PDB file of N, CA and C in Angstrom:
ATOM      1  N   MET A   1      98.602  90.857 114.419  1.00  0.00           N
ATOM      2  CA  MET A   1      98.541  91.996 113.549  1.00  0.00           C
ATOM      3  C   MET A   1      98.278  93.229 114.419  1.00  0.00           C
ATOM      4  N   LYS A   2      99.055  94.276 114.194  1.00  0.00           N
ATOM      5  CA  LYS A   2      98.932  95.532 114.929  1.00  0.00           C
ATOM      6  C   LYS A   2      98.312  96.603 114.034  1.00  0.00           C
ATOM      7  N   ALA A   3      97.714  97.632 114.675  1.00  0.00           N
ATOM      8  CA  ALA A   3      97.127  98.737 113.926  1.00  0.00           C
ATOM      9  C   ALA A   3      97.977  99.978 114.119  1.00  0.00           C
ATOM     10  N   TYR A   4      98.156 100.752 113.029  1.00  0.00           N
ATOM     11  CA  TYR A   4      98.937 101.969 113.028  1.00  0.00           C
ATOM     12  C   TYR A   4      98.122 103.058 112.340  1.00  0.00           C
ATOM     13  N   PHE A   5      98.503 104.308 112.636  1.00  0.00           N
ATOM     14  CA  PHE A   5      97.827 105.451 112.028  1.00  0.00           C
ATOM     15  C   PHE A   5      98.886 106.452 111.547  1.00  0.00           C
ATOM     16  N   GLY A   6      98.652 107.020 110.372  1.00  0.00           N
ATOM     17  CA  GLY A   6      99.532 108.053 109.874  1.00  0.00           C
ATOM     18  C   GLY A   6      99.320 108.284 108.378  1.00  0.00           C
ATOM     19  N   GLU A   7     100.151 109.130 107.828  1.00  0.00           N
ATOM     20  CA  GLU A   7     100.131 109.396 106.388  1.00  0.00           C
ATOM     21  C   GLU A   7     100.858 108.274 105.672  1.00  0.00           C
ATOM     22  N   ILE A   8     100.241 107.742 104.631  1.00  0.00           N
ATOM     23  CA  ILE A   8     100.837 106.652 103.861  1.00  0.00           C
ATOM     24  C   ILE A   8     101.081 107.096 102.430  1.00  0.00           C
ATOM     25  N   ASP A   9     102.211 106.697 101.897  1.00  0.00           N
ATOM     26  CA  ASP A   9     102.594 107.042 100.530  1.00  0.00           C
ATOM     27  C   ASP A   9     101.731 106.245  99.550  1.00  0.00           C
ATOM     28  N   LEU A  10     101.064 106.949  98.677  1.00  0.00           N
ATOM     29  CA  LEU A  10     100.157 106.284  97.713  1.00  0.00           C
ATOM     30  C   LEU A  10     100.887 105.361  96.743  1.00  0.00           C
ATOM     31  N   ASN A  11     102.174 105.592  96.528  1.00  0.00           N
ATOM     32  CA  ASN A  11     102.925 104.764  95.584  1.00  0.00           C
ATOM     33  C   ASN A  11     103.142 103.339  96.115  1.00  0.00           C
ATOM     34  N   PHE A  12     102.995 103.146  97.410  1.00  0.00           N
ATOM     35  CA  PHE A  12     103.240 101.823  97.984  1.00  0.00           C
ATOM     36  C   PHE A  12     101.936 101.055  98.219  1.00  0.00           C
ATOM     37  N   LEU A  13     100.819 101.564  97.756  1.00  0.00           N
ATOM     38  CA  LEU A  13      99.533 100.916  97.956  1.00  0.00           C
ATOM     39  C   LEU A  13      99.136 100.072  96.781  1.00  0.00           C
ATOM     40  N   GLU A  14      98.532  98.931  97.071  1.00  0.00           N
ATOM     41  CA  GLU A  14      97.911  98.112  96.036  1.00  0.00           C
ATOM     42  C   GLU A  14      96.421  98.340  96.110  1.00  0.00           C
ATOM     43  N   LEU A  15      95.837  98.666  94.987  1.00  0.00           N
ATOM     44  CA  LEU A  15      94.396  98.896  94.929  1.00  0.00           C
ATOM     45  C   LEU A  15      93.789  97.776  94.128  1.00  0.00           C
ATOM     46  N   PRO A  16      93.103  96.851  94.795  1.00  0.00           N
ATOM     47  CA  PRO A  16      92.559  95.722  94.050  1.00  0.00           C
ATOM     48  C   PRO A  16      91.656  96.194  92.914  1.00  0.00           C
ATOM     49  N   VAL A  17      91.778  95.556  91.760  1.00  0.00           N
ATOM     50  CA  VAL A  17      90.933  95.886  90.620  1.00  0.00           C
ATOM     51  C   VAL A  17      89.673  95.041  90.732  1.00  0.00           C
ATOM     52  N   ILE A  18      88.560  95.726  90.900  1.00  0.00           N
ATOM     53  CA  ILE A  18      87.276  95.040  91.034  1.00  0.00           C
ATOM     54  C   ILE A  18      86.453  95.412  89.836  1.00  0.00           C
ATOM     55  N   ASN A  19      85.984  94.401  89.119  1.00  0.00           N
ATOM     56  CA  ASN A  19      85.134  94.667  87.955  1.00  0.00           C
ATOM     57  C   ASN A  19      83.953  95.529  88.380  1.00  0.00           C
ATOM     58  N   GLY A  20      83.758  96.634  87.694  1.00  0.00           N
ATOM     59  CA  GLY A  20      82.642  97.493  87.969  1.00  0.00           C
ATOM     60  C   GLY A  20      82.813  98.399  89.178  1.00  0.00           C
ATOM     61  N   TYR A  21      84.055  98.597  89.642  1.00  0.00           N
ATOM     62  CA  TYR A  21      84.234  99.528  90.765  1.00  0.00           C
ATOM     63  C   TYR A  21      83.621 100.881  90.366  1.00  0.00           C
ATOM     64  N   PRO A  22      83.267 101.697  91.353  1.00  0.00           N
ATOM     65  CA  PRO A  22      82.600 102.970  91.035  1.00  0.00           C
ATOM     66  C   PRO A  22      83.360 103.759  89.955  1.00  0.00           C
ATOM     67  N   GLY A  23      82.660 104.106  88.934  1.00  0.00           N
ATOM     68  CA  GLY A  23      83.257 104.892  87.885  1.00  0.00           C
ATOM     69  C   GLY A  23      83.788 104.088  86.703  1.00  0.00           C
ATOM     70  N   LYS A  24      83.853 102.794  86.864  1.00  0.00           N
ATOM     71  CA  LYS A  24      84.468 101.962  85.826  1.00  0.00           C
ATOM     72  C   LYS A  24      83.602 101.874  84.555  1.00  0.00           C
ATOM     73  N   PHE A  25      82.342 101.502  84.712  1.00  0.00           N
ATOM     74  CA  PHE A  25      81.522 101.225  83.541  1.00  0.00           C
ATOM     75  C   PHE A  25      80.169 101.928  83.494  1.00  0.00           C
ATOM     76  N   ASN A  26      79.877 102.780  84.437  1.00  0.00           N
ATOM     77  CA  ASN A  26      78.534 103.340  84.452  1.00  0.00           C
ATOM     78  C   ASN A  26      78.546 104.827  84.829  1.00  0.00           C
ATOM     79  N   GLU A  27      77.537 105.532  84.370  1.00  0.00           N
ATOM     80  CA  GLU A  27      77.438 106.962  84.605  1.00  0.00           C
ATOM     81  C   GLU A  27      77.314 107.290  86.090  1.00  0.00           C
ATOM     82  N   GLN A  28      76.526 106.513  86.810  1.00  0.00           N
ATOM     83  CA  GLN A  28      76.350 106.761  88.229  1.00  0.00           C
ATOM     84  C   GLN A  28      77.702 106.615  88.960  1.00  0.00           C
ATOM     85  N   GLY A  29      78.475 105.615  88.576  1.00  0.00           N
ATOM     86  CA  GLY A  29      79.795 105.421  89.168  1.00  0.00           C
ATOM     87  C   GLY A  29      80.753 106.548  88.835  1.00  0.00           C
ATOM     88  N   ARG A  30      80.690 107.022  87.580  1.00  0.00           N
ATOM     89  CA  ARG A  30      81.562 108.146  87.184  1.00  0.00           C
ATOM     90  C   ARG A  30      81.202 109.406  87.989  1.00  0.00           C
ATOM     91  N   GLN A  31      79.887 109.614  88.210  1.00  0.00           N
ATOM     92  CA  GLN A  31      79.487 110.769  89.002  1.00  0.00           C
ATOM     93  C   GLN A  31      79.952 110.650  90.440  1.00  0.00           C
ATOM     94  N   TYR A  32      79.888 109.445  90.987  1.00  0.00           N
ATOM     95  CA  TYR A  32      80.393 109.210  92.348  1.00  0.00           C
ATOM     96  C   TYR A  32      81.885 109.539  92.420  1.00  0.00           C
ATOM     97  N   PHE A  33      82.656 109.107  91.416  1.00  0.00           N
ATOM     98  CA  PHE A  33      84.067 109.405  91.387  1.00  0.00           C
ATOM     99  C   PHE A  33      84.299 110.914  91.324  1.00  0.00           C
ATOM    100  N   LEU A  34      83.578 111.627  90.455  1.00  0.00           N
ATOM    101  CA  LEU A  34      83.721 113.075  90.372  1.00  0.00           C
ATOM    102  C   LEU A  34      83.343 113.771  91.669  1.00  0.00           C
ATOM    103  N   ASN A  35      82.300 113.285  92.322  1.00  0.00           N
ATOM    104  CA  ASN A  35      81.927 113.830  93.627  1.00  0.00           C
ATOM    105  C   ASN A  35      83.043 113.613  94.652  1.00  0.00           C
ATOM    106  N   THR A  36      83.654 112.446  94.612  1.00  0.00           N
ATOM    107  CA  THR A  36      84.758 112.155  95.529  1.00  0.00           C
ATOM    108  C   THR A  36      85.956 113.069  95.222  1.00  0.00           C
ATOM    109  N   VAL A  37      86.269 113.259  93.950  1.00  0.00           N
ATOM    110  CA  VAL A  37      87.355 114.160  93.552  1.00  0.00           C
ATOM    111  C   VAL A  37      87.064 115.575  94.085  1.00  0.00           C
ATOM    112  N   ASN A  38      85.846 116.057  93.854  1.00  0.00           N
ATOM    113  CA  ASN A  38      85.492 117.409  94.326  1.00  0.00           C
ATOM    114  C   ASN A  38      85.552 117.531  95.829  1.00  0.00           C
ATOM    115  N   SER A  39      85.145 116.494  96.530  1.00  0.00           N
ATOM    116  CA  SER A  39      85.193 116.497  97.990  1.00  0.00           C
ATOM    117  C   SER A  39      86.637 116.539  98.490  1.00  0.00           C
ATOM    118  N   VAL A  40      87.480 115.685  97.943  1.00  0.00           N
ATOM    119  CA  VAL A  40      88.889 115.670  98.346  1.00  0.00           C
ATOM    120  C   VAL A  40      89.549 117.002  98.008  1.00  0.00           C
ATOM    121  N   LYS A  41      89.238 117.567  96.843  1.00  0.00           N
ATOM    122  CA  LYS A  41      89.786 118.865  96.453  1.00  0.00           C
ATOM    123  C   LYS A  41      89.303 119.968  97.402  1.00  0.00           C
ATOM    124  N   GLY A  42      88.016 119.922  97.785  1.00  0.00           N
ATOM    125  CA  GLY A  42      87.435 120.978  98.573  1.00  0.00           C
ATOM    126  C   GLY A  42      87.726 120.918 100.074  1.00  0.00           C
ATOM    127  N   VAL A  43      87.629 119.734 100.677  1.00  0.00           N
ATOM    128  CA  VAL A  43      87.778 119.635 102.135  1.00  0.00           C
ATOM    129  C   VAL A  43      88.842 118.658 102.563  1.00  0.00           C
ATOM    130  N   GLY A  44      89.471 117.978 101.614  1.00  0.00           N
ATOM    131  CA  GLY A  44      90.466 117.000 101.981  1.00  0.00           C
ATOM    132  C   GLY A  44      89.837 115.657 102.272  1.00  0.00           C
ATOM    133  N   VAL A  45      90.626 114.756 102.816  1.00  0.00           N
ATOM    134  CA  VAL A  45      90.141 113.410 103.161  1.00  0.00           C
ATOM    135  C   VAL A  45      89.764 113.430 104.648  1.00  0.00           C
ATOM    136  N   LEU A  46      88.493 113.284 104.937  1.00  0.00           N
ATOM    137  CA  LEU A  46      88.002 113.386 106.297  1.00  0.00           C
ATOM    138  C   LEU A  46      88.145 112.092 107.074  1.00  0.00           C
ATOM    139  N   LYS A  47      88.007 110.956 106.384  1.00  0.00           N
ATOM    140  CA  LYS A  47      88.180 109.647 107.022  1.00  0.00           C
ATOM    141  C   LYS A  47      89.408 108.962 106.404  1.00  0.00           C
ATOM    142  N   PRO A  48      90.245 108.396 107.243  1.00  0.00           N
ATOM    143  CA  PRO A  48      91.421 107.704 106.680  1.00  0.00           C
ATOM    144  C   PRO A  48      91.007 106.443 105.925  1.00  0.00           C
ATOM    145  N   ILE A  49      91.827 106.102 104.956  1.00  0.00           N
ATOM    146  CA  ILE A  49      91.620 104.837 104.248  1.00  0.00           C
ATOM    147  C   ILE A  49      92.047 103.706 105.214  1.00  0.00           C
ATOM    148  N   ILE A  50      91.632 102.492 104.931  1.00  0.00           N
ATOM    149  CA  ILE A  50      92.013 101.358 105.761  1.00  0.00           C
ATOM    150  C   ILE A  50      92.756 100.363 104.890  1.00  0.00           C
ATOM    151  N   VAL A  51      93.946  99.994 105.379  1.00  0.00           N
ATOM    152  CA  VAL A  51      94.894  99.198 104.590  1.00  0.00           C
ATOM    153  C   VAL A  51      95.325  98.006 105.405  1.00  0.00           C
ATOM    154  N   ARG A  52      95.410  96.829 104.756  1.00  0.00           N
ATOM    155  CA  ARG A  52      96.068  95.665 105.379  1.00  0.00           C
ATOM    156  C   ARG A  52      97.361  95.456 104.658  1.00  0.00           C
ATOM    157  N   GLU A  53      98.449  95.506 105.407  1.00  0.00           N
ATOM    158  CA  GLU A  53      99.821  95.504 104.870  1.00  0.00           C
ATOM    159  C   GLU A  53      99.897  96.660 103.860  1.00  0.00           C
ATOM    160  N   ASN A  54      99.791  96.403 102.559  1.00  0.00           N
ATOM    161  CA  ASN A  54      99.803  97.526 101.610  1.00  0.00           C
ATOM    162  C   ASN A  54      98.608  97.452 100.637  1.00  0.00           C
ATOM    163  N   VAL A  55      97.578  96.658 100.992  1.00  0.00           N
ATOM    164  CA  VAL A  55      96.393  96.507 100.151  1.00  0.00           C
ATOM    165  C   VAL A  55      95.256  97.357 100.733  1.00  0.00           C
ATOM    166  N   VAL A  56      94.672  98.208  99.901  1.00  0.00           N
ATOM    167  CA  VAL A  56      93.567  99.068 100.321  1.00  0.00           C
ATOM    168  C   VAL A  56      92.327  98.197 100.491  1.00  0.00           C
ATOM    169  N   MET A  57      91.780  98.227 101.729  1.00  0.00           N
ATOM    170  CA  MET A  57      90.581  97.467 102.033  1.00  0.00           C
ATOM    171  C   MET A  57      89.328  98.346 101.982  1.00  0.00           C
ATOM    172  N   VAL A  58      89.461  99.585 102.482  1.00  0.00           N
ATOM    173  CA  VAL A  58      88.354 100.538 102.520  1.00  0.00           C
ATOM    174  C   VAL A  58      88.905 101.898 102.067  1.00  0.00           C
ATOM    175  N   GLY A  59      88.238 102.519 101.118  1.00  0.00           N
ATOM    176  CA  GLY A  59      88.667 103.853 100.685  1.00  0.00           C
ATOM    177  C   GLY A  59      89.257 103.911  99.290  1.00  0.00           C
ATOM    178  N   GLY A  60      88.951 102.915  98.485  1.00  0.00           N
ATOM    179  CA  GLY A  60      89.494 102.893  97.129  1.00  0.00           C
ATOM    180  C   GLY A  60      89.129 104.130  96.311  1.00  0.00           C
ATOM    181  N   ALA A  61      87.938 104.635  96.472  1.00  0.00           N
ATOM    182  CA  ALA A  61      87.521 105.849  95.727  1.00  0.00           C
ATOM    183  C   ALA A  61      88.370 107.044  96.157  1.00  0.00           C
ATOM    184  N   ARG A  62      88.639 107.126  97.456  1.00  0.00           N
ATOM    185  CA  ARG A  62      89.491 108.239  97.947  1.00  0.00           C
ATOM    186  C   ARG A  62      90.910 108.118  97.404  1.00  0.00           C
ATOM    187  N   VAL A  63      91.407 106.885  97.312  1.00  0.00           N
ATOM    188  CA  VAL A  63      92.758 106.682  96.754  1.00  0.00           C
ATOM    189  C   VAL A  63      92.776 107.081  95.290  1.00  0.00           C
ATOM    190  N   ARG A  64      91.793 106.644  94.528  1.00  0.00           N
ATOM    191  CA  ARG A  64      91.745 107.008  93.093  1.00  0.00           C
ATOM    192  C   ARG A  64      91.624 108.512  92.917  1.00  0.00           C
ATOM    193  N   ALA A  65      90.774 109.147  93.727  1.00  0.00           N
ATOM    194  CA  ALA A  65      90.603 110.606  93.635  1.00  0.00           C
ATOM    195  C   ALA A  65      91.912 111.319  94.007  1.00  0.00           C
ATOM    196  N   ALA A  66      92.575 110.866  95.044  1.00  0.00           N
ATOM    197  CA  ALA A  66      93.823 111.490  95.479  1.00  0.00           C
ATOM    198  C   ALA A  66      94.894 111.371  94.386  1.00  0.00           C
ATOM    199  N   LYS A  67      95.014 110.182  93.792  1.00  0.00           N
ATOM    200  CA  LYS A  67      95.960 110.010  92.688  1.00  0.00           C
ATOM    201  C   LYS A  67      95.609 110.888  91.526  1.00  0.00           C
ATOM    202  N   TYR A  68      94.339 110.972  91.170  1.00  0.00           N
ATOM    203  CA  TYR A  68      93.891 111.842  90.097  1.00  0.00           C
ATOM    204  C   TYR A  68      94.287 113.290  90.344  1.00  0.00           C
ATOM    205  N   LEU A  69      94.189 113.728  91.619  1.00  0.00           N
ATOM    206  CA  LEU A  69      94.515 115.093  91.987  1.00  0.00           C
ATOM    207  C   LEU A  69      96.021 115.325  92.197  1.00  0.00           C
ATOM    208  N   GLY A  70      96.804 114.245  92.101  1.00  0.00           N
ATOM    209  CA  GLY A  70      98.263 114.386  92.240  1.00  0.00           C
ATOM    210  C   GLY A  70      98.738 114.392  93.684  1.00  0.00           C
ATOM    211  N   LEU A  71      97.913 113.956  94.618  1.00  0.00           N
ATOM    212  CA  LEU A  71      98.364 113.900  96.004  1.00  0.00           C
ATOM    213  C   LEU A  71      99.368 112.762  96.159  1.00  0.00           C
ATOM    214  N   LYS A  72     100.238 112.876  97.107  1.00  0.00           N
ATOM    215  CA  LYS A  72     101.306 111.857  97.344  1.00  0.00           C
ATOM    216  C   LYS A  72     100.994 110.953  98.519  1.00  0.00           C
ATOM    217  N   THR A  73     100.245 111.481  99.517  1.00  0.00           N
ATOM    218  CA  THR A  73      99.948 110.704 100.722  1.00  0.00           C
ATOM    219  C   THR A  73      98.488 110.868 101.126  1.00  0.00           C
ATOM    220  N   LEU A  74      98.029 109.945 101.934  1.00  0.00           N
ATOM    221  CA  LEU A  74      96.689 110.028 102.530  1.00  0.00           C
ATOM    222  C   LEU A  74      96.739 109.538 103.963  1.00  0.00           C
ATOM    223  N   PRO A  75      95.854 110.048 104.813  1.00  0.00           N
ATOM    224  CA  PRO A  75      95.785 109.477 106.169  1.00  0.00           C
ATOM    225  C   PRO A  75      95.256 108.051 106.083  1.00  0.00           C
ATOM    226  N   ALA A  76      95.808 107.165 106.894  1.00  0.00           N
ATOM    227  CA  ALA A  76      95.450 105.757 106.818  1.00  0.00           C
ATOM    228  C   ALA A  76      95.542 105.074 108.158  1.00  0.00           C
ATOM    229  N   ILE A  77      94.688 104.070 108.321  1.00  0.00           N
ATOM    230  CA  ILE A  77      94.797 103.079 109.372  1.00  0.00           C
ATOM    231  C   ILE A  77      95.428 101.884 108.684  1.00  0.00           C
ATOM    232  N   ILE A  78      96.556 101.417 109.197  1.00  0.00           N
ATOM    233  CA  ILE A  78      97.275 100.302 108.557  1.00  0.00           C
ATOM    234  C   ILE A  78      97.326  99.151 109.517  1.00  0.00           C
ATOM    235  N   PHE A  79      96.838  97.985 109.090  1.00  0.00           N
ATOM    236  CA  PHE A  79      96.966  96.763 109.873  1.00  0.00           C
ATOM    237  C   PHE A  79      98.147  95.998 109.279  1.00  0.00           C
ATOM    238  N   SER A  80      99.128  95.672 110.141  1.00  0.00           N
ATOM    239  CA  SER A  80     100.340  95.064 109.645  1.00  0.00           C
ATOM    240  C   SER A  80     100.949  94.124 110.662  1.00  0.00           C
ATOM    241  N   LYS A  81     101.556  93.066 110.150  1.00  0.00           N
ATOM    242  CA  LYS A  81     102.336  92.151 111.010  1.00  0.00           C
ATOM    243  C   LYS A  81     103.726  92.719 111.226  1.00  0.00           C
ATOM    244  N   ILE A  82     104.141  93.596 110.319  1.00  0.00           N
ATOM    245  CA  ILE A  82     105.473  94.210 110.377  1.00  0.00           C
ATOM    246  C   ILE A  82     105.355  95.540 111.109  1.00  0.00           C
ATOM    247  N   PRO A  83     106.199  95.807 112.114  1.00  0.00           N
ATOM    248  CA  PRO A  83     106.148  97.100 112.807  1.00  0.00           C
ATOM    249  C   PRO A  83     106.345  98.257 111.838  1.00  0.00           C
ATOM    250  N   LYS A  84     105.611  99.333 112.088  1.00  0.00           N
ATOM    251  CA  LYS A  84     105.668 100.551 111.278  1.00  0.00           C
ATOM    252  C   LYS A  84     106.205 101.687 112.167  1.00  0.00           C
ATOM    253  N   PRO A  85     107.514 101.787 112.350  1.00  0.00           N
ATOM    254  CA  PRO A  85     108.078 102.748 113.294  1.00  0.00           C
ATOM    255  C   PRO A  85     107.801 104.193 112.963  1.00  0.00           C
ATOM    256  N   ASN A  86     107.531 104.528 111.703  1.00  0.00           N
ATOM    257  CA  ASN A  86     107.250 105.913 111.333  1.00  0.00           C
ATOM    258  C   ASN A  86     105.805 106.303 111.544  1.00  0.00           C
ATOM    259  N   LEU A  87     104.966 105.358 112.003  1.00  0.00           N
ATOM    260  CA  LEU A  87     103.544 105.611 112.176  1.00  0.00           C
ATOM    261  C   LEU A  87     103.193 105.445 113.656  1.00  0.00           C
ATOM    262  N   HIS A  88     102.072 106.040 114.045  1.00  0.00           N
ATOM    263  CA  HIS A  88     101.600 105.945 115.427  1.00  0.00           C
ATOM    264  C   HIS A  88     100.944 104.592 115.655  1.00  0.00           C
ATOM    265  N   LYS A  89     101.384 103.836 116.657  1.00  0.00           N
ATOM    266  CA  LYS A  89     100.798 102.551 116.987  1.00  0.00           C
ATOM    267  C   LYS A  89      99.496 102.802 117.762  1.00  0.00           C
ATOM    268  N   ILE A  90      98.412 102.222 117.278  1.00  0.00           N
ATOM    269  CA  ILE A  90      97.113 102.369 117.941  1.00  0.00           C
ATOM    270  C   ILE A  90      97.040 101.354 119.070  1.00  0.00           C
ATOM    271  N   LYS A  91      96.694 101.849 120.259  1.00  0.00           N
ATOM    272  CA  LYS A  91      96.825 101.008 121.459  1.00  0.00           C
ATOM    273  C   LYS A  91      95.498 100.392 121.945  1.00  0.00           C
ATOM    274  N   SER A  92      94.355 100.900 121.475  1.00  0.00           N
ATOM    275  CA  SER A  92      93.095 100.366 121.965  1.00  0.00           C
ATOM    276  C   SER A  92      92.017 100.459 120.860  1.00  0.00           C
ATOM    277  N   TYR A  93      90.954  99.701 121.078  1.00  0.00           N
ATOM    278  CA  TYR A  93      89.841  99.710 120.139  1.00  0.00           C
ATOM    279  C   TYR A  93      89.197 101.100 120.105  1.00  0.00           C
ATOM    280  N   ASP A  94      89.064 101.763 121.261  1.00  0.00           N
ATOM    281  CA  ASP A  94      88.501 103.106 121.308  1.00  0.00           C
ATOM    282  C   ASP A  94      89.340 104.078 120.500  1.00  0.00           C
ATOM    283  N   GLU A  95      90.658 103.950 120.621  1.00  0.00           N
ATOM    284  CA  GLU A  95      91.548 104.832 119.829  1.00  0.00           C
ATOM    285  C   GLU A  95      91.410 104.512 118.331  1.00  0.00           C
ATOM    286  N   LEU A  96      91.259 103.255 117.995  1.00  0.00           N
ATOM    287  CA  LEU A  96      91.061 102.844 116.604  1.00  0.00           C
ATOM    288  C   LEU A  96      89.802 103.481 116.041  1.00  0.00           C
ATOM    289  N   LEU A  97      88.708 103.440 116.801  1.00  0.00           N
ATOM    290  CA  LEU A  97      87.463 104.070 116.343  1.00  0.00           C
ATOM    291  C   LEU A  97      87.609 105.561 116.194  1.00  0.00           C
ATOM    292  N   LYS A  98      88.285 106.205 117.138  1.00  0.00           N
ATOM    293  CA  LYS A  98      88.478 107.652 117.078  1.00  0.00           C
ATOM    294  C   LYS A  98      89.302 108.038 115.844  1.00  0.00           C
ATOM    295  N   LYS A  99      90.422 107.327 115.600  1.00  0.00           N
ATOM    296  CA  LYS A  99      91.287 107.645 114.478  1.00  0.00           C
ATOM    297  C   LYS A  99      90.598 107.340 113.126  1.00  0.00           C
ATOM    298  N   SER A 100      89.815 106.254 113.082  1.00  0.00           N
ATOM    299  CA  SER A 100      89.146 105.880 111.832  1.00  0.00           C
ATOM    300  C   SER A 100      87.923 106.707 111.564  1.00  0.00           C
ATOM    301  N   ARG A 101      87.401 107.377 112.595  1.00  0.00           N
ATOM    302  CA  ARG A 101      86.196 108.178 112.495  1.00  0.00           C
ATOM    303  C   ARG A 101      84.991 107.328 112.101  1.00  0.00           C
ATOM    304  N   LEU A 102      85.008 106.100 112.572  1.00  0.00           N
ATOM    305  CA  LEU A 102      83.906 105.150 112.345  1.00  0.00           C
ATOM    306  C   LEU A 102      83.237 104.852 113.682  1.00  0.00           C
ATOM    307  N   SER A 103      82.002 104.367 113.627  1.00  0.00           N
ATOM    308  CA  SER A 103      81.313 103.993 114.857  1.00  0.00           C
ATOM    309  C   SER A 103      81.561 102.539 115.219  1.00  0.00           C
ATOM    310  N   ARG A 104      81.977 101.750 114.226  1.00  0.00           N
ATOM    311  CA  ARG A 104      82.257 100.338 114.468  1.00  0.00           C
ATOM    312  C   ARG A 104      83.230  99.840 113.416  1.00  0.00           C
ATOM    313  N   LEU A 105      84.151  99.021 113.831  1.00  0.00           N
ATOM    314  CA  LEU A 105      85.140  98.464 112.891  1.00  0.00           C
ATOM    315  C   LEU A 105      85.408  97.024 113.314  1.00  0.00           C
ATOM    316  N   ILE A 106      85.208  96.099 112.403  1.00  0.00           N
ATOM    317  CA  ILE A 106      85.467  94.696 112.685  1.00  0.00           C
ATOM    318  C   ILE A 106      86.598  94.231 111.787  1.00  0.00           C
ATOM    319  N   VAL A 107      87.618  93.672 112.397  1.00  0.00           N
ATOM    320  CA  VAL A 107      88.778  93.198 111.635  1.00  0.00           C
ATOM    321  C   VAL A 107      88.877  91.690 111.795  1.00  0.00           C
ATOM    322  N   THR A 108      88.905  90.998 110.669  1.00  0.00           N
ATOM    323  CA  THR A 108      89.096  89.528 110.675  1.00  0.00           C
ATOM    324  C   THR A 108      90.315  89.197 109.855  1.00  0.00           C
ATOM    325  N   ASP A 109      90.628  87.911 109.747  1.00  0.00           N
ATOM    326  CA  ASP A 109      91.785  87.496 108.951  1.00  0.00           C
ATOM    327  C   ASP A 109      91.544  87.758 107.454  1.00  0.00           C
ATOM    328  N   LYS A 110      90.309  87.814 107.042  1.00  0.00           N
ATOM    329  CA  LYS A 110      90.008  87.903 105.631  1.00  0.00           C
ATOM    330  C   LYS A 110      89.609  89.295 105.146  1.00  0.00           C
ATOM    331  N   ILE A 111      88.933  90.075 105.948  1.00  0.00           N
ATOM    332  CA  ILE A 111      88.379  91.329 105.447  1.00  0.00           C
ATOM    333  C   ILE A 111      88.206  92.324 106.586  1.00  0.00           C
ATOM    334  N   VAL A 112      88.152  93.582 106.221  1.00  0.00           N
ATOM    335  CA  VAL A 112      87.858  94.641 107.161  1.00  0.00           C
ATOM    336  C   VAL A 112      86.462  95.160 106.820  1.00  0.00           C
ATOM    337  N   VAL A 113      85.564  95.204 107.797  1.00  0.00           N
ATOM    338  CA  VAL A 113      84.224  95.655 107.577  1.00  0.00           C
ATOM    339  C   VAL A 113      83.988  96.884 108.453  1.00  0.00           C
ATOM    340  N   HIS A 114      83.343  97.897 107.922  1.00  0.00           N
ATOM    341  CA  HIS A 114      83.084  99.094 108.717  1.00  0.00           C
ATOM    342  C   HIS A 114      81.619  99.520 108.610  1.00  0.00           C
ATOM    343  N   LYS A 115      81.186 100.206 109.604  1.00  0.00           N
ATOM    344  CA  LYS A 115      79.809 100.775 109.606  1.00  0.00           C
ATOM    345  C   LYS A 115      79.823 102.102 110.275  1.00  0.00           C
TER     346      LYS A 115
END
C-alpha cells in the first residue's frame, strides 16, 4: 500500500456510518459539528483527512462539514494499492508526517491511528 497526498473529490469518498457519530444524537455532538463547520468556513481545512482507498478513516467531521458547506474537494492523505497518478506520491515517513500535520501516524492493515 502506497501513500499519496492531494485534493480528493468528496463525491468519491465513503464515510462509514457510525452510530452516535458527533452530531448524530446529542447536543454536544451537534455543537462540535457546528464548530467544525465554522472552522472550515473561517480558516479552511488545516489538516488533511486520511483515507484508505476511498473510505474516510480520520476526518469524518471535516468531510461532513465540507459537504454541508458545498465544498467539492478536501486535502487528503490517501493510502491505496492502486497508483494515484494525479496525486503526489509520499516517499518517506517524515514526508507523511509533514503532509498530515501530525506528530505520529501508525498505519496497519485494519486501521489508521493518529496522535
